Protein backbone atom coordinates (compact mmCIF):
# COMPACT_ATOMS: atom_id res chain seq x y z
CA MET A 1 0.00 0.00 0.00
CA MET A 2 1.32 3.45 -0.92
CA THR A 3 2.04 6.05 1.73
CA ALA A 4 0.38 9.47 1.81
CA ASP A 5 3.70 11.04 0.78
CA GLU A 6 3.87 8.81 -2.29
CA ILE A 7 0.27 9.63 -3.21
CA LEU A 8 0.93 13.39 -2.93
CA ALA A 9 3.96 13.00 -5.18
CA LEU A 10 1.78 11.26 -7.80
CA LEU A 11 -0.84 14.02 -7.57
CA GLN A 12 1.82 16.46 -8.77
CA THR A 13 2.49 14.47 -11.95
CA ASP A 14 0.66 15.22 -15.21
CA GLU A 15 -1.26 11.96 -14.97
CA GLY A 16 -2.16 12.59 -11.32
CA ARG A 17 -3.52 16.04 -12.10
CA ARG A 18 -5.64 14.69 -14.95
CA GLU A 19 -6.96 11.70 -12.98
CA PRO A 20 -6.78 12.50 -9.24
CA TYR A 21 -9.79 10.49 -8.12
CA PRO A 22 -8.14 7.03 -8.03
CA LEU A 23 -5.41 8.59 -5.88
CA TYR A 24 -8.01 10.15 -3.59
CA GLU A 25 -9.52 6.68 -3.18
CA LYS A 26 -6.14 5.36 -2.02
CA LEU A 27 -5.90 8.18 0.52
CA HIS A 28 -9.33 7.24 1.90
CA GLU A 29 -8.02 3.72 2.44
CA LEU A 30 -5.25 5.17 4.65
CA GLY A 31 -7.59 7.28 6.79
CA PRO A 32 -9.33 10.67 6.78
CA VAL A 33 -6.19 12.63 7.78
CA ASN A 34 -2.65 11.44 7.09
CA LEU A 35 0.64 12.83 8.30
CA THR A 36 3.24 13.31 5.55
CA PRO A 37 6.61 13.17 7.30
CA ALA A 38 8.61 12.89 4.08
CA GLY A 39 6.88 15.82 2.39
CA PRO A 40 8.93 19.05 2.36
CA ALA A 41 5.86 21.28 2.07
CA TYR A 42 2.99 19.72 4.01
CA ALA A 43 2.78 18.22 7.49
CA ALA A 44 -0.50 16.45 6.74
CA VAL A 45 -3.15 15.87 4.11
CA ALA A 46 -6.86 15.83 4.97
CA ASN A 47 -9.20 13.95 2.65
CA GLY A 48 -12.17 12.88 4.81
CA TYR A 49 -15.32 14.98 4.45
CA ALA A 50 -15.98 15.49 8.17
CA GLU A 51 -12.34 16.27 8.88
CA VAL A 52 -11.92 18.76 6.02
CA ASP A 53 -15.14 20.46 7.09
CA GLN A 54 -13.88 20.60 10.70
CA ILE A 55 -10.57 22.19 9.69
CA LEU A 56 -12.26 24.76 7.45
CA ARG A 57 -14.46 25.88 10.36
CA ASP A 58 -11.77 25.86 13.08
CA PRO A 59 -10.08 29.30 13.40
CA ARG A 60 -7.03 27.61 14.93
CA PHE A 61 -6.28 26.30 11.45
CA VAL A 62 -5.17 29.61 9.99
CA LYS A 63 -5.46 30.82 6.42
CA GLY A 64 -3.43 33.69 5.01
CA GLY A 65 -0.99 36.02 6.71
CA PRO A 66 -0.24 39.66 7.46
CA ALA A 67 -0.09 42.50 4.95
CA PRO A 68 2.64 42.01 2.32
CA ALA A 69 5.99 43.73 2.78
CA ALA A 70 6.56 46.99 0.92
CA ASP A 71 9.20 45.36 -1.30
CA ALA A 72 7.21 42.18 -2.07
CA ASP A 73 7.00 41.05 -5.69
CA PRO A 74 3.83 41.90 -7.67
CA ILE A 75 2.04 38.58 -7.28
CA THR A 76 2.72 38.41 -3.54
CA THR A 77 1.58 42.02 -3.15
CA ALA A 78 -1.65 41.52 -5.10
CA LEU A 79 -2.63 38.27 -3.39
CA GLY A 80 -1.50 39.46 0.04
CA ASN A 81 -3.74 42.51 -0.25
CA SER A 82 -6.84 40.35 -0.81
CA MET A 83 -9.22 38.89 1.74
CA MET A 84 -8.48 35.39 0.43
CA PHE A 85 -4.90 35.58 1.69
CA ARG A 86 -5.20 37.66 4.87
CA THR A 87 -5.82 36.61 8.45
CA GLU A 88 -8.31 38.20 10.82
CA PRO A 89 -9.27 40.92 11.47
CA ASP A 90 -8.23 42.07 7.96
CA HIS A 91 -10.14 39.27 6.27
CA ALA A 92 -13.47 40.19 7.89
CA ARG A 93 -12.92 43.90 7.22
CA MET A 94 -12.34 43.34 3.50
CA ARG A 95 -15.05 40.71 3.16
CA ARG A 96 -17.60 43.09 4.66
CA ALA A 97 -16.86 45.66 1.96
CA PHE A 98 -17.34 43.15 -0.86
CA HIS A 99 -20.21 41.18 0.64
CA THR A 100 -22.93 43.48 -0.70
CA ALA A 101 -21.94 42.62 -4.27
CA PHE A 102 -22.81 38.95 -3.81
CA THR A 103 -25.92 38.91 -1.67
CA PRO A 104 -28.71 36.69 -3.04
CA ARG A 105 -30.70 39.86 -3.74
CA ARG A 106 -27.88 41.47 -5.77
CA VAL A 107 -27.34 38.28 -7.74
CA ALA A 108 -31.09 37.96 -8.35
CA GLU A 109 -30.99 41.45 -9.85
CA LEU A 110 -28.21 40.24 -12.18
CA GLU A 111 -30.13 37.16 -13.35
CA PRO A 112 -31.93 38.86 -16.27
CA ARG A 113 -28.56 40.07 -17.54
CA ILE A 114 -27.06 36.57 -17.13
CA ALA A 115 -29.98 35.05 -19.05
CA ALA A 116 -29.78 37.65 -21.83
CA LEU A 117 -26.01 37.25 -22.18
CA THR A 118 -26.42 33.47 -22.28
CA ASP A 119 -28.92 33.76 -25.13
CA GLU A 120 -26.66 36.16 -27.04
CA LEU A 121 -23.72 33.77 -26.73
CA LEU A 122 -25.86 30.81 -27.81
CA ASP A 123 -26.90 32.74 -30.92
CA ARG A 124 -23.22 33.35 -31.63
CA LEU A 125 -22.40 29.69 -30.97
CA ALA A 126 -25.08 28.60 -33.46
CA VAL A 127 -23.46 30.65 -36.21
CA LEU A 128 -19.97 29.33 -35.41
CA GLY A 129 -21.27 25.76 -35.33
CA GLU A 130 -22.66 25.87 -38.85
CA ASP A 131 -19.24 25.00 -40.26
CA GLY A 132 -18.44 22.14 -37.90
CA PRO A 133 -17.18 21.55 -34.35
CA VAL A 134 -16.56 24.50 -32.03
CA ASP A 135 -14.64 24.79 -28.77
CA PHE A 136 -17.37 25.06 -26.15
CA LEU A 137 -15.04 26.55 -23.56
CA ALA A 138 -13.46 29.21 -25.77
CA GLU A 139 -16.70 30.25 -27.47
CA PHE A 140 -19.12 30.01 -24.55
CA GLY A 141 -17.65 28.80 -21.25
CA TYR A 142 -15.14 31.65 -21.04
CA LEU A 143 -17.32 34.39 -22.48
CA LEU A 144 -20.29 33.96 -20.13
CA PRO A 145 -18.53 34.44 -16.75
CA ALA A 146 -16.22 37.06 -18.25
CA GLY A 147 -19.24 38.99 -19.52
CA VAL A 148 -21.01 38.72 -16.17
CA MET A 149 -17.94 40.01 -14.31
CA SER A 150 -17.62 42.77 -16.90
CA ALA A 151 -21.17 43.90 -16.10
CA LEU A 152 -20.65 43.58 -12.35
CA LEU A 153 -17.29 45.37 -12.15
CA GLY A 154 -17.75 47.80 -15.02
CA ILE A 155 -14.87 46.41 -17.08
CA PRO A 156 -15.25 47.32 -20.79
CA ALA A 157 -16.20 44.23 -22.78
CA THR A 158 -13.48 45.09 -25.32
CA ASP A 159 -10.85 44.42 -22.62
CA LEU A 160 -11.97 40.89 -21.76
CA ASP A 161 -9.71 39.09 -24.24
CA TRP A 162 -6.73 40.88 -22.68
CA PHE A 163 -7.50 39.28 -19.32
CA ARG A 164 -7.61 35.65 -20.37
CA SER A 165 -3.89 34.81 -20.64
CA ARG A 166 -3.11 36.86 -17.52
CA VAL A 167 -5.76 35.05 -15.50
CA GLN A 168 -4.25 31.73 -16.64
CA ARG A 169 -0.76 32.74 -15.46
CA VAL A 170 -2.05 33.56 -11.99
CA GLU A 171 -4.02 30.29 -11.95
CA ASP A 172 -0.86 28.34 -12.83
CA TYR A 173 1.00 30.04 -9.97
CA LEU A 174 -1.72 29.16 -7.46
CA ASP A 175 -1.84 25.52 -8.50
CA PHE A 176 -0.44 22.61 -6.49
CA GLY A 177 3.33 22.82 -7.03
CA GLY A 178 3.07 26.16 -8.87
CA GLY A 179 6.23 27.68 -7.40
CA ALA A 180 8.49 26.85 -10.36
CA PRO A 181 10.63 29.90 -11.28
CA GLU A 182 9.09 30.28 -14.73
CA LYS A 183 5.56 30.20 -13.27
CA VAL A 184 6.48 32.77 -10.62
CA ALA A 185 7.95 35.09 -13.26
CA ALA A 186 4.88 34.76 -15.48
CA ALA A 187 2.55 35.39 -12.53
CA ASN A 188 4.54 38.47 -11.48
CA GLU A 189 4.25 39.93 -14.96
CA ALA A 190 0.51 39.23 -15.09
CA ALA A 191 -0.12 40.60 -11.60
CA ALA A 192 1.82 43.80 -12.36
CA GLU A 193 -0.15 44.37 -15.56
CA MET A 194 -3.55 43.65 -14.02
CA SER A 195 -2.79 45.74 -10.92
CA ALA A 196 -1.86 48.70 -13.12
CA TYR A 197 -5.09 48.19 -15.10
CA TYR A 198 -7.22 48.21 -11.95
CA HIS A 199 -5.45 51.31 -10.59
CA ARG A 200 -6.34 53.12 -13.83
CA LEU A 201 -9.94 51.91 -13.59
CA ILE A 202 -10.19 53.14 -9.98
CA ALA A 203 -8.83 56.54 -10.99
CA ASP A 204 -11.39 56.73 -13.80
CA ARG A 205 -14.25 55.86 -11.44
CA ARG A 206 -13.22 58.66 -9.07
CA VAL A 207 -13.64 61.13 -11.89
CA ALA A 208 -16.67 59.54 -13.55
CA PRO A 209 -18.45 57.02 -11.27
CA GLY A 210 -20.88 54.53 -12.74
CA ASN A 211 -23.40 52.02 -11.44
CA ASP A 212 -20.86 49.23 -10.99
CA LEU A 213 -19.15 47.53 -8.07
CA ILE A 214 -15.83 49.36 -8.47
CA SER A 215 -17.57 52.75 -8.41
CA GLY A 216 -19.45 51.77 -5.27
CA LEU A 217 -16.32 50.57 -3.49
CA VAL A 218 -14.36 53.68 -4.47
CA GLN A 219 -17.12 55.78 -2.95
CA LEU A 220 -16.96 53.71 0.25
CA ILE A 221 -13.20 54.24 0.46
CA ASP A 222 -13.40 57.97 -0.14
CA SER A 223 -16.24 58.44 2.35
CA GLY A 224 -14.33 56.61 5.07
CA GLU A 225 -17.30 54.27 5.54
CA GLU A 226 -15.09 51.22 5.00
CA ARG A 227 -11.41 51.01 5.97
CA LEU A 228 -10.14 49.76 2.64
CA THR A 229 -7.08 51.04 0.78
CA ASP A 230 -6.70 51.35 -2.97
CA GLU A 231 -4.06 48.60 -2.85
CA GLU A 232 -6.48 46.29 -1.05
CA LEU A 233 -9.20 47.12 -3.54
CA VAL A 234 -6.84 46.23 -6.40
CA GLY A 235 -5.77 42.95 -4.78
CA ASN A 236 -9.35 41.92 -4.13
CA LEU A 237 -10.48 42.85 -7.64
CA LEU A 238 -7.70 40.74 -9.12
CA VAL A 239 -8.58 37.72 -6.99
CA LEU A 240 -12.34 38.25 -7.39
CA PHE A 241 -12.23 38.39 -11.20
CA ASN A 242 -9.85 35.43 -11.43
CA ALA A 243 -11.74 33.24 -8.97
CA SER A 244 -15.24 34.06 -10.25
CA PHE A 245 -14.24 33.58 -13.87
CA VAL A 246 -12.27 30.35 -13.37
CA THR A 247 -14.87 28.79 -11.05
CA THR A 248 -17.71 29.29 -13.52
CA ILE A 249 -15.89 28.30 -16.71
CA ASN A 250 -14.79 25.09 -14.99
CA LEU A 251 -18.29 24.44 -13.66
CA LEU A 252 -19.75 24.69 -17.17
CA GLY A 253 -17.01 22.58 -18.72
CA ASN A 254 -17.01 19.92 -15.99
CA ALA A 255 -20.78 19.56 -16.35
CA LEU A 256 -20.80 18.50 -19.99
CA PRO A 257 -19.06 15.07 -19.98
CA PRO A 258 -21.22 13.46 -17.26
CA LEU A 259 -24.40 15.08 -18.56
CA LEU A 260 -23.84 14.02 -22.17
CA GLU A 261 -23.51 10.44 -20.96
CA ARG A 262 -27.04 10.72 -19.53
CA PRO A 263 -29.52 11.80 -22.27
CA SER A 264 -32.52 11.43 -19.97
CA VAL A 265 -30.98 13.90 -17.51
CA VAL A 266 -30.23 16.34 -20.35
CA LYS A 267 -33.87 16.13 -21.47
CA SER A 268 -35.12 16.79 -17.93
CA LEU A 269 -32.59 19.58 -17.45
CA ALA A 270 -33.90 21.43 -20.49
CA ALA A 271 -37.48 21.25 -19.19
CA ASP A 272 -37.32 21.58 -15.39
CA PRO A 273 -35.53 24.40 -13.49
CA ASP A 274 -35.38 22.25 -10.34
CA VAL A 275 -33.27 19.70 -12.23
CA ALA A 276 -30.85 22.48 -13.19
CA GLU A 277 -30.15 23.29 -9.57
CA ALA A 278 -29.63 19.62 -8.73
CA CYS A 279 -27.28 19.22 -11.71
CA VAL A 280 -25.14 22.17 -10.67
CA GLU A 281 -24.74 20.86 -7.13
CA GLU A 282 -23.91 17.32 -8.27
CA VAL A 283 -21.33 18.61 -10.76
CA LEU A 284 -19.72 20.63 -7.97
CA ARG A 285 -19.59 17.50 -5.81
CA TYR A 286 -18.64 14.99 -8.48
CA ASP A 287 -15.93 17.01 -10.26
CA GLY A 288 -15.47 20.16 -8.23
CA THR A 289 -13.92 23.26 -9.72
CA VAL A 290 -11.82 23.86 -6.57
CA GLN A 291 -9.94 20.73 -5.50
CA LEU A 292 -7.69 21.88 -2.68
CA LEU A 293 -6.93 24.53 -0.08
CA VAL A 294 -4.19 24.96 2.54
CA ARG A 295 -4.35 25.80 6.24
CA THR A 296 -1.68 26.22 8.93
CA ALA A 297 -2.01 24.74 12.42
CA SER A 298 -1.52 27.53 14.97
CA GLU A 299 -0.77 24.94 17.69
CA ASP A 300 -0.63 21.17 18.02
CA LEU A 301 -4.14 20.24 16.86
CA PRO A 302 -5.82 16.80 16.88
CA VAL A 303 -8.02 15.95 13.91
CA GLY A 304 -9.00 12.67 12.31
CA GLY A 305 -6.98 10.57 14.75
CA VAL A 306 -3.66 12.36 14.23
CA VAL A 307 -2.06 15.48 15.69
CA VAL A 308 -1.00 18.18 13.25
CA PRO A 309 2.07 19.90 14.71
CA ALA A 310 2.12 23.64 15.37
CA GLY A 311 3.18 25.54 12.27
CA GLY A 312 2.45 22.58 10.02
CA LEU A 313 0.72 23.10 6.69
CA VAL A 314 -2.35 20.95 6.04
CA LEU A 315 -3.36 20.21 2.46
CA LEU A 316 -7.16 20.04 2.34
CA LEU A 317 -8.28 17.93 -0.60
CA LEU A 318 -11.81 19.18 -1.22
CA GLY A 319 -12.17 16.94 -4.26
CA ALA A 320 -11.37 13.89 -2.14
CA ALA A 321 -13.75 14.99 0.63
CA ASN A 322 -16.52 15.31 -1.96
CA ARG A 323 -15.99 11.64 -2.85
CA ASP A 324 -15.56 10.33 0.68
CA PRO A 325 -17.40 6.98 0.85
CA ALA A 326 -18.00 7.61 4.57
CA ARG A 327 -20.10 10.65 3.56
CA PHE A 328 -21.57 9.83 0.13
CA PRO A 329 -22.91 6.40 -0.95
CA ALA A 330 -21.40 5.38 -4.30
CA PRO A 331 -19.33 8.58 -4.38
CA ASP A 332 -17.88 7.93 -7.85
CA VAL A 333 -21.34 7.82 -9.45
CA PHE A 334 -22.78 11.02 -10.95
CA ASP A 335 -26.35 11.08 -9.64
CA VAL A 336 -28.49 14.22 -9.90
CA GLU A 337 -31.13 12.51 -7.75
CA ARG A 338 -28.66 12.03 -4.92
CA PRO A 339 -30.61 13.21 -1.83
CA ASP A 340 -27.64 14.89 -0.14
CA LYS A 341 -25.21 16.80 -2.34
CA ARG A 342 -23.71 19.14 0.28
CA HIS A 343 -20.20 19.45 -1.06
CA LEU A 344 -17.16 21.43 0.08
CA THR A 345 -16.15 22.84 -3.30
CA PHE A 346 -16.81 26.41 -2.14
CA GLY A 347 -15.25 25.78 1.27
CA ALA A 348 -16.96 26.25 4.63
CA GLY A 349 -16.78 28.56 7.60
CA PRO A 350 -15.56 32.18 7.51
CA TYR A 351 -13.67 31.77 4.23
CA PHE A 352 -16.63 30.32 2.32
CA CYS A 353 -16.39 31.51 -1.29
CA VAL A 354 -17.93 34.97 -1.53
CA GLY A 355 -18.83 34.43 -5.20
CA ALA A 356 -20.51 31.02 -4.78
CA VAL A 357 -24.03 32.39 -5.17
CA LEU A 358 -23.08 34.01 -8.50
CA ALA A 359 -21.37 30.88 -9.91
CA ARG A 360 -24.39 28.78 -8.97
CA ALA A 361 -26.76 31.24 -10.64
CA GLU A 362 -24.74 31.22 -13.87
CA GLY A 363 -24.73 27.42 -14.00
CA ARG A 364 -28.42 27.16 -13.12
CA LEU A 365 -29.43 29.64 -15.82
CA ALA A 366 -26.97 28.64 -18.56
CA LEU A 367 -27.20 24.84 -18.63
CA PRO A 368 -30.96 24.55 -19.35
CA ARG A 369 -30.72 27.22 -22.06
CA LEU A 370 -27.77 25.42 -23.63
CA PHE A 371 -29.69 22.15 -24.03
CA GLN A 372 -32.97 23.83 -24.96
CA ARG A 373 -31.14 25.45 -27.86
CA PHE A 374 -28.95 22.48 -28.76
CA PRO A 375 -30.65 19.26 -27.59
CA ASP A 376 -28.32 17.18 -29.82
CA LEU A 377 -25.10 18.77 -28.58
CA ALA A 378 -22.33 16.17 -28.45
CA LEU A 379 -18.59 15.96 -27.88
CA ALA A 380 -16.71 16.12 -31.18
CA GLY A 381 -13.60 14.59 -29.67
CA PRO A 382 -11.94 13.99 -26.32
CA PRO A 383 -11.85 17.17 -24.23
CA VAL A 384 -8.38 18.31 -23.14
CA GLN A 385 -7.93 18.44 -19.37
CA SER A 386 -6.18 21.55 -18.07
CA ALA A 387 -2.80 21.15 -16.43
CA GLY A 388 -3.95 22.37 -13.03
CA LEU A 389 -5.31 20.48 -10.04
CA ALA A 390 -6.17 23.19 -7.50
CA LEU A 391 -8.65 24.69 -9.98
CA ARG A 392 -9.87 21.73 -11.99
CA GLY A 393 -11.31 22.03 -15.46
CA PHE A 394 -10.70 21.56 -19.17
CA ALA A 395 -8.48 23.57 -21.50
CA SER A 396 -10.60 22.84 -24.57
CA MET A 397 -13.79 20.92 -25.37
CA PRO A 398 -14.78 20.50 -29.06
CA VAL A 399 -18.50 19.96 -29.58
CA THR A 400 -20.95 19.60 -32.43
CA LEU A 401 -24.29 21.35 -32.03
CA THR A 402 -26.52 19.28 -34.32
């Protein structure tokens, strides 16, 4: 039987990133939490559902750190100025400022725009598909969440293509084992360029405010109502756009393979909104867009039958927790009728994904419209899995529409 250290090493290979679930199954055989004494980076790996949920909710397992140093490199500065990478009380202070953008009410107000944009993109997809297969991700999966974030943040639609490669470089840096020098250099370049872009956008909104999130946050800063700096606004905008975009494109892409294997589900999905919600939640459980997170033990902490030493990093495998046989019967089966689909893809506790309600709404609105318009949609060839594991999805997915 392989050790947890050996399994983690395999997860960092190309094959392990493409097919992590058999390796997760081997981790479950070892136990819900496993110490990794030979691993240079992590003290333990948590893969059991109950144990991952416990760690996510326990403030003694710390996420993030203090404000970045003045001479930090661009990617460290941008990420370190965001709520995702800061400890309390900074995390709560920043989250409070952004929370109003993602309340269920605010997202409900966005739903007509999401639906209209979906229909516009499907019209465009129909034209492109007249000549043969099209890449579903490039021509729809990317454009929908990018367009929604454009409307929310007030980013000109003409700038969206500029973002795509830069978002990918930051995603590569954040991935499991993404500290290779070439990935760090690429992420620094992307972070510097996007940070400069957001600083210009903030300056523009001070002169000519609009009805978008950035304008609202700039007004909060200038009024003193929220203690948020321009640098923190930039860092959070960078992380927010990246995370919201990547989460939704991967949700849409990850949904297609299991759905297309189940024609009866596709037919129901196109006709019943309740099925759409169930499909989104089962996709997020079965092949979650976020596969892992990291926490640091602030003291010696017992969990899952082991003690994580103080200062030790714990790798939380959300994707493994979502397929824990102790939590989900037949976890490797895609089942939209599964009675309990409460997954951990968006995390839990105080760091629960602030954009989860928006990603769910986009999936719930887009998938039925897709199959209503193209009931015979089919894969035109094997989809290409992306190289990442932390944010799991496909790089390309050729489809035929009729």
